[in-house]
Amino acid sequence: MFSARLVNQQNTSMLNICDYELLGKTITNHGLKIEINQAYYGEKKIDDVEAKYLLKKSTSVNMVGKQIISLSVSLGIGTLNGVKEIDGIPFLIVFKM
């Protein structure tokens, strides 16, 4: 399961999505901090099917967590080379051109 928020503006759609169990956590490393909060990632709880649809549909994706990054990479959206980690938690940002 995942937690997702889709933001549509003009001709773009930005998907903020994380592994559901990470919602509410704050991760930090060397001054870099990510708050995986309800306001940014928590619009709704979704399953794999809806996550795949949203990943394909969105023009940019901000994702946090092993499960969502694995799903995204399996769909050809992003690569493992772009993945960074904070406190052992992977995150990836993808802009589709």
N, C-alpha and C. Protein backbone atom coordinates (compact mmCIF):
# COMPACT_ATOMS: atom_id res chain seq x y z
N MET A 1 0.83 -1.18 0.00
CA MET A 1 0.00 0.00 0.00
C MET A 1 0.88 1.25 0.00
N PHE A 2 0.32 2.30 -0.56
CA PHE A 2 1.03 3.56 -0.70
C PHE A 2 0.14 4.71 -0.25
N SER A 3 0.77 5.83 0.03
CA SER A 3 0.05 7.06 0.33
C SER A 3 0.43 8.04 -0.76
N ALA A 4 -0.56 8.70 -1.36
CA ALA A 4 -0.29 9.54 -2.52
C ALA A 4 -1.10 10.83 -2.51
N ARG A 5 -0.50 11.83 -3.14
CA ARG A 5 -1.17 13.11 -3.37
C ARG A 5 -0.82 13.55 -4.78
N LEU A 6 -1.83 13.81 -5.59
CA LEU A 6 -1.64 14.26 -6.96
C LEU A 6 -1.99 15.73 -7.04
N VAL A 7 -1.06 16.53 -7.57
CA VAL A 7 -1.26 17.97 -7.71
C VAL A 7 -1.28 18.29 -9.19
N ASN A 8 -2.39 18.82 -9.67
CA ASN A 8 -2.53 19.21 -11.07
C ASN A 8 -2.50 20.72 -11.19
N GLN A 9 -1.60 21.24 -12.04
CA GLN A 9 -1.52 22.66 -12.32
C GLN A 9 -1.23 22.84 -13.80
N GLN A 10 -2.03 23.65 -14.44
CA GLN A 10 -1.90 23.93 -15.86
C GLN A 10 -1.80 22.61 -16.61
N ASN A 11 -0.70 22.35 -17.30
CA ASN A 11 -0.55 21.12 -18.09
C ASN A 11 0.35 20.09 -17.44
N THR A 12 0.54 20.19 -16.13
CA THR A 12 1.42 19.24 -15.44
C THR A 12 0.68 18.57 -14.28
N SER A 13 1.17 17.40 -13.95
CA SER A 13 0.65 16.70 -12.78
C SER A 13 1.84 16.16 -11.99
N MET A 14 1.92 16.56 -10.72
CA MET A 14 3.00 16.12 -9.86
C MET A 14 2.44 15.12 -8.85
N LEU A 15 3.07 13.96 -8.80
CA LEU A 15 2.67 12.91 -7.87
C LEU A 15 3.66 12.85 -6.73
N ASN A 16 3.17 13.00 -5.51
CA ASN A 16 3.96 12.78 -4.31
C ASN A 16 3.46 11.46 -3.73
N ILE A 17 4.35 10.48 -3.61
CA ILE A 17 3.91 9.14 -3.21
C ILE A 17 4.98 8.49 -2.34
N CYS A 18 4.52 7.74 -1.33
CA CYS A 18 5.45 7.06 -0.44
C CYS A 18 4.88 5.70 -0.04
N ASP A 19 5.76 4.83 0.44
CA ASP A 19 5.31 3.59 1.06
C ASP A 19 4.46 3.98 2.26
N TYR A 20 3.31 3.38 2.41
CA TYR A 20 2.34 3.80 3.41
C TYR A 20 2.91 3.84 4.84
N GLU A 21 3.75 2.86 5.17
CA GLU A 21 4.27 2.79 6.54
C GLU A 21 5.25 3.92 6.86
N LEU A 22 5.70 4.67 5.86
CA LEU A 22 6.62 5.79 6.10
C LEU A 22 5.90 7.09 6.43
N LEU A 23 4.60 7.14 6.18
CA LEU A 23 3.82 8.35 6.42
C LEU A 23 3.94 8.77 7.89
N GLY A 24 4.30 10.02 8.11
CA GLY A 24 4.45 10.55 9.46
C GLY A 24 5.88 10.55 9.97
N LYS A 25 6.81 9.95 9.25
CA LYS A 25 8.20 9.90 9.67
C LYS A 25 8.97 11.13 9.15
N THR A 26 10.03 11.48 9.85
CA THR A 26 10.97 12.49 9.39
C THR A 26 12.33 11.82 9.30
N ILE A 27 12.99 11.96 8.16
CA ILE A 27 14.31 11.36 7.96
C ILE A 27 15.32 12.48 7.72
N THR A 28 16.52 12.32 8.29
CA THR A 28 17.55 13.35 8.16
C THR A 28 18.92 12.72 7.95
N ASN A 29 19.80 13.49 7.29
CA ASN A 29 21.17 13.05 7.09
C ASN A 29 21.99 14.25 6.64
N HIS A 30 23.01 14.61 7.41
CA HIS A 30 23.92 15.70 7.06
C HIS A 30 23.18 16.98 6.66
N GLY A 31 22.20 17.38 7.43
CA GLY A 31 21.49 18.61 7.16
C GLY A 31 20.34 18.50 6.18
N LEU A 32 20.24 17.40 5.46
CA LEU A 32 19.13 17.17 4.55
C LEU A 32 18.01 16.50 5.33
N LYS A 33 16.81 17.06 5.20
CA LYS A 33 15.69 16.57 5.99
C LYS A 33 14.46 16.42 5.10
N ILE A 34 13.79 15.30 5.20
CA ILE A 34 12.53 15.09 4.49
C ILE A 34 11.47 14.72 5.53
N GLU A 35 10.40 15.49 5.55
CA GLU A 35 9.25 15.18 6.39
C GLU A 35 8.23 14.47 5.52
N ILE A 36 7.98 13.24 5.82
CA ILE A 36 7.03 12.44 5.03
C ILE A 36 5.67 12.63 5.70
N ASN A 37 5.09 13.80 5.47
CA ASN A 37 3.91 14.17 6.23
C ASN A 37 2.61 14.02 5.43
N GLN A 38 1.52 14.06 6.19
CA GLN A 38 0.17 13.90 5.65
C GLN A 38 -0.16 14.96 4.61
N ALA A 39 0.23 16.21 4.86
CA ALA A 39 -0.11 17.31 3.96
C ALA A 39 0.52 17.13 2.58
N TYR A 40 1.71 16.55 2.52
CA TYR A 40 2.42 16.43 1.25
C TYR A 40 2.20 15.09 0.56
N TYR A 41 2.18 14.01 1.32
CA TYR A 41 2.09 12.67 0.75
C TYR A 41 0.77 11.95 1.05
N GLY A 42 -0.07 12.52 1.90
CA GLY A 42 -1.14 11.72 2.46
C GLY A 42 -2.55 12.00 2.02
N GLU A 43 -2.76 12.38 0.79
CA GLU A 43 -4.12 12.65 0.35
C GLU A 43 -4.99 11.40 0.41
N LYS A 44 -4.45 10.26 -0.05
CA LYS A 44 -5.22 9.02 0.02
C LYS A 44 -4.33 7.80 0.00
N LYS A 45 -4.85 6.72 0.56
CA LYS A 45 -4.17 5.42 0.58
C LYS A 45 -4.57 4.68 -0.70
N ILE A 46 -3.56 4.17 -1.41
CA ILE A 46 -3.83 3.49 -2.69
C ILE A 46 -3.11 2.15 -2.76
N ASP A 47 -3.58 1.31 -3.68
CA ASP A 47 -2.96 0.00 -3.90
C ASP A 47 -2.03 0.05 -5.11
N ASP A 48 -1.43 -1.10 -5.44
CA ASP A 48 -0.49 -1.19 -6.56
C ASP A 48 -1.11 -0.78 -7.89
N VAL A 49 -2.34 -1.17 -8.14
CA VAL A 49 -2.99 -0.88 -9.42
C VAL A 49 -3.13 0.63 -9.62
N GLU A 50 -3.62 1.32 -8.61
CA GLU A 50 -3.77 2.77 -8.73
C GLU A 50 -2.42 3.46 -8.76
N ALA A 51 -1.46 2.95 -8.01
CA ALA A 51 -0.11 3.53 -8.02
C ALA A 51 0.49 3.44 -9.43
N LYS A 52 0.35 2.30 -10.09
CA LYS A 52 0.86 2.16 -11.46
C LYS A 52 0.23 3.18 -12.39
N TYR A 53 -1.08 3.33 -12.29
CA TYR A 53 -1.80 4.29 -13.12
C TYR A 53 -1.28 5.71 -12.89
N LEU A 54 -1.16 6.11 -11.62
CA LEU A 54 -0.69 7.45 -11.31
C LEU A 54 0.76 7.68 -11.72
N LEU A 55 1.61 6.67 -11.53
CA LEU A 55 3.01 6.79 -11.96
C LEU A 55 3.10 7.04 -13.46
N LYS A 56 2.31 6.31 -14.24
CA LYS A 56 2.34 6.46 -15.69
C LYS A 56 1.77 7.80 -16.14
N LYS A 57 0.75 8.28 -15.44
CA LYS A 57 0.01 9.48 -15.82
C LYS A 57 0.75 10.78 -15.48
N SER A 58 1.52 10.78 -14.41
CA SER A 58 2.12 12.01 -13.88
C SER A 58 3.31 12.49 -14.70
N THR A 59 3.49 13.82 -14.72
CA THR A 59 4.63 14.38 -15.45
C THR A 59 5.87 14.50 -14.57
N SER A 60 5.67 14.53 -13.26
CA SER A 60 6.80 14.46 -12.33
C SER A 60 6.36 13.66 -11.10
N VAL A 61 7.34 12.97 -10.51
CA VAL A 61 7.04 12.09 -9.39
C VAL A 61 8.10 12.28 -8.30
N ASN A 62 7.63 12.49 -7.09
CA ASN A 62 8.48 12.58 -5.92
C ASN A 62 8.11 11.37 -5.06
N MET A 63 9.03 10.42 -4.92
CA MET A 63 8.68 9.18 -4.22
C MET A 63 9.69 8.84 -3.14
N VAL A 64 9.16 8.22 -2.07
CA VAL A 64 9.99 7.82 -0.94
C VAL A 64 9.59 6.41 -0.53
N GLY A 65 10.58 5.52 -0.46
CA GLY A 65 10.33 4.16 0.01
C GLY A 65 10.75 3.09 -0.99
N LYS A 66 11.16 1.96 -0.45
CA LYS A 66 11.64 0.86 -1.28
C LYS A 66 10.58 0.30 -2.21
N GLN A 67 9.36 0.13 -1.71
CA GLN A 67 8.31 -0.49 -2.51
C GLN A 67 7.90 0.37 -3.70
N ILE A 68 7.68 1.66 -3.46
CA ILE A 68 7.24 2.52 -4.56
C ILE A 68 8.34 2.73 -5.58
N ILE A 69 9.57 2.83 -5.14
CA ILE A 69 10.68 3.00 -6.09
C ILE A 69 10.86 1.73 -6.91
N SER A 70 10.75 0.58 -6.30
CA SER A 70 10.84 -0.68 -7.03
C SER A 70 9.75 -0.78 -8.09
N LEU A 71 8.52 -0.40 -7.72
CA LEU A 71 7.41 -0.43 -8.67
C LEU A 71 7.66 0.54 -9.81
N SER A 72 8.10 1.73 -9.50
CA SER A 72 8.35 2.74 -10.52
C SER A 72 9.44 2.31 -11.50
N VAL A 73 10.54 1.81 -10.97
CA VAL A 73 11.65 1.37 -11.83
C VAL A 73 11.21 0.19 -12.70
N SER A 74 10.38 -0.70 -12.17
CA SER A 74 9.88 -1.84 -12.96
C SER A 74 9.02 -1.38 -14.13
N LEU A 75 8.42 -0.19 -14.01
CA LEU A 75 7.62 0.39 -15.09
C LEU A 75 8.45 1.23 -16.05
N GLY A 76 9.75 1.36 -15.77
CA GLY A 76 10.62 2.16 -16.61
C GLY A 76 10.57 3.65 -16.28
N ILE A 77 10.05 3.97 -15.10
CA ILE A 77 9.96 5.36 -14.67
C ILE A 77 11.06 5.58 -13.63
N GLY A 78 12.15 6.18 -14.05
CA GLY A 78 13.31 6.36 -13.19
C GLY A 78 14.24 5.16 -13.26
N THR A 79 15.42 5.32 -12.68
CA THR A 79 16.40 4.24 -12.63
C THR A 79 16.99 4.16 -11.23
N LEU A 80 17.54 3.03 -10.91
CA LEU A 80 18.17 2.86 -9.61
C LEU A 80 19.38 3.78 -9.44
N ASN A 81 19.99 4.19 -10.55
CA ASN A 81 21.14 5.11 -10.47
C ASN A 81 20.76 6.46 -9.88
N GLY A 82 19.49 6.85 -10.00
CA GLY A 82 19.04 8.14 -9.48
C GLY A 82 18.60 8.10 -8.03
N VAL A 83 18.54 6.93 -7.44
CA VAL A 83 18.04 6.78 -6.07
C VAL A 83 19.09 7.26 -5.07
N LYS A 84 18.66 8.07 -4.13
CA LYS A 84 19.49 8.53 -3.01
C LYS A 84 18.87 7.98 -1.73
N GLU A 85 19.64 7.95 -0.66
CA GLU A 85 19.13 7.46 0.62
C GLU A 85 19.38 8.48 1.73
N ILE A 86 18.40 8.58 2.61
CA ILE A 86 18.52 9.36 3.83
C ILE A 86 18.09 8.44 4.96
N ASP A 87 18.95 8.26 5.95
CA ASP A 87 18.65 7.35 7.07
C ASP A 87 18.26 5.95 6.58
N GLY A 88 18.85 5.52 5.46
CA GLY A 88 18.55 4.20 4.92
C GLY A 88 17.25 4.12 4.15
N ILE A 89 16.53 5.24 4.00
CA ILE A 89 15.26 5.27 3.27
C ILE A 89 15.53 5.85 1.88
N PRO A 90 15.21 5.10 0.82
CA PRO A 90 15.46 5.61 -0.53
C PRO A 90 14.43 6.64 -0.97
N PHE A 91 14.89 7.62 -1.75
CA PHE A 91 13.98 8.56 -2.38
C PHE A 91 14.44 8.81 -3.81
N LEU A 92 13.49 9.17 -4.64
CA LEU A 92 13.76 9.38 -6.06
C LEU A 92 12.80 10.43 -6.59
N ILE A 93 13.32 11.35 -7.37
CA ILE A 93 12.51 12.36 -8.04
C ILE A 93 12.69 12.18 -9.54
N VAL A 94 11.58 12.11 -10.26
CA VAL A 94 11.61 11.88 -11.71
C VAL A 94 10.83 12.99 -12.41
N PHE A 95 11.44 13.58 -13.43
CA PHE A 95 10.77 14.54 -14.30
C PHE A 95 10.68 13.91 -15.67
N LYS A 96 9.48 13.78 -16.20
CA LYS A 96 9.31 13.19 -17.53
C LYS A 96 9.39 14.30 -18.56
N MET A 97 10.12 14.03 -19.61
CA MET A 97 10.28 15.03 -20.68
C MET A 97 9.48 14.61 -21.88
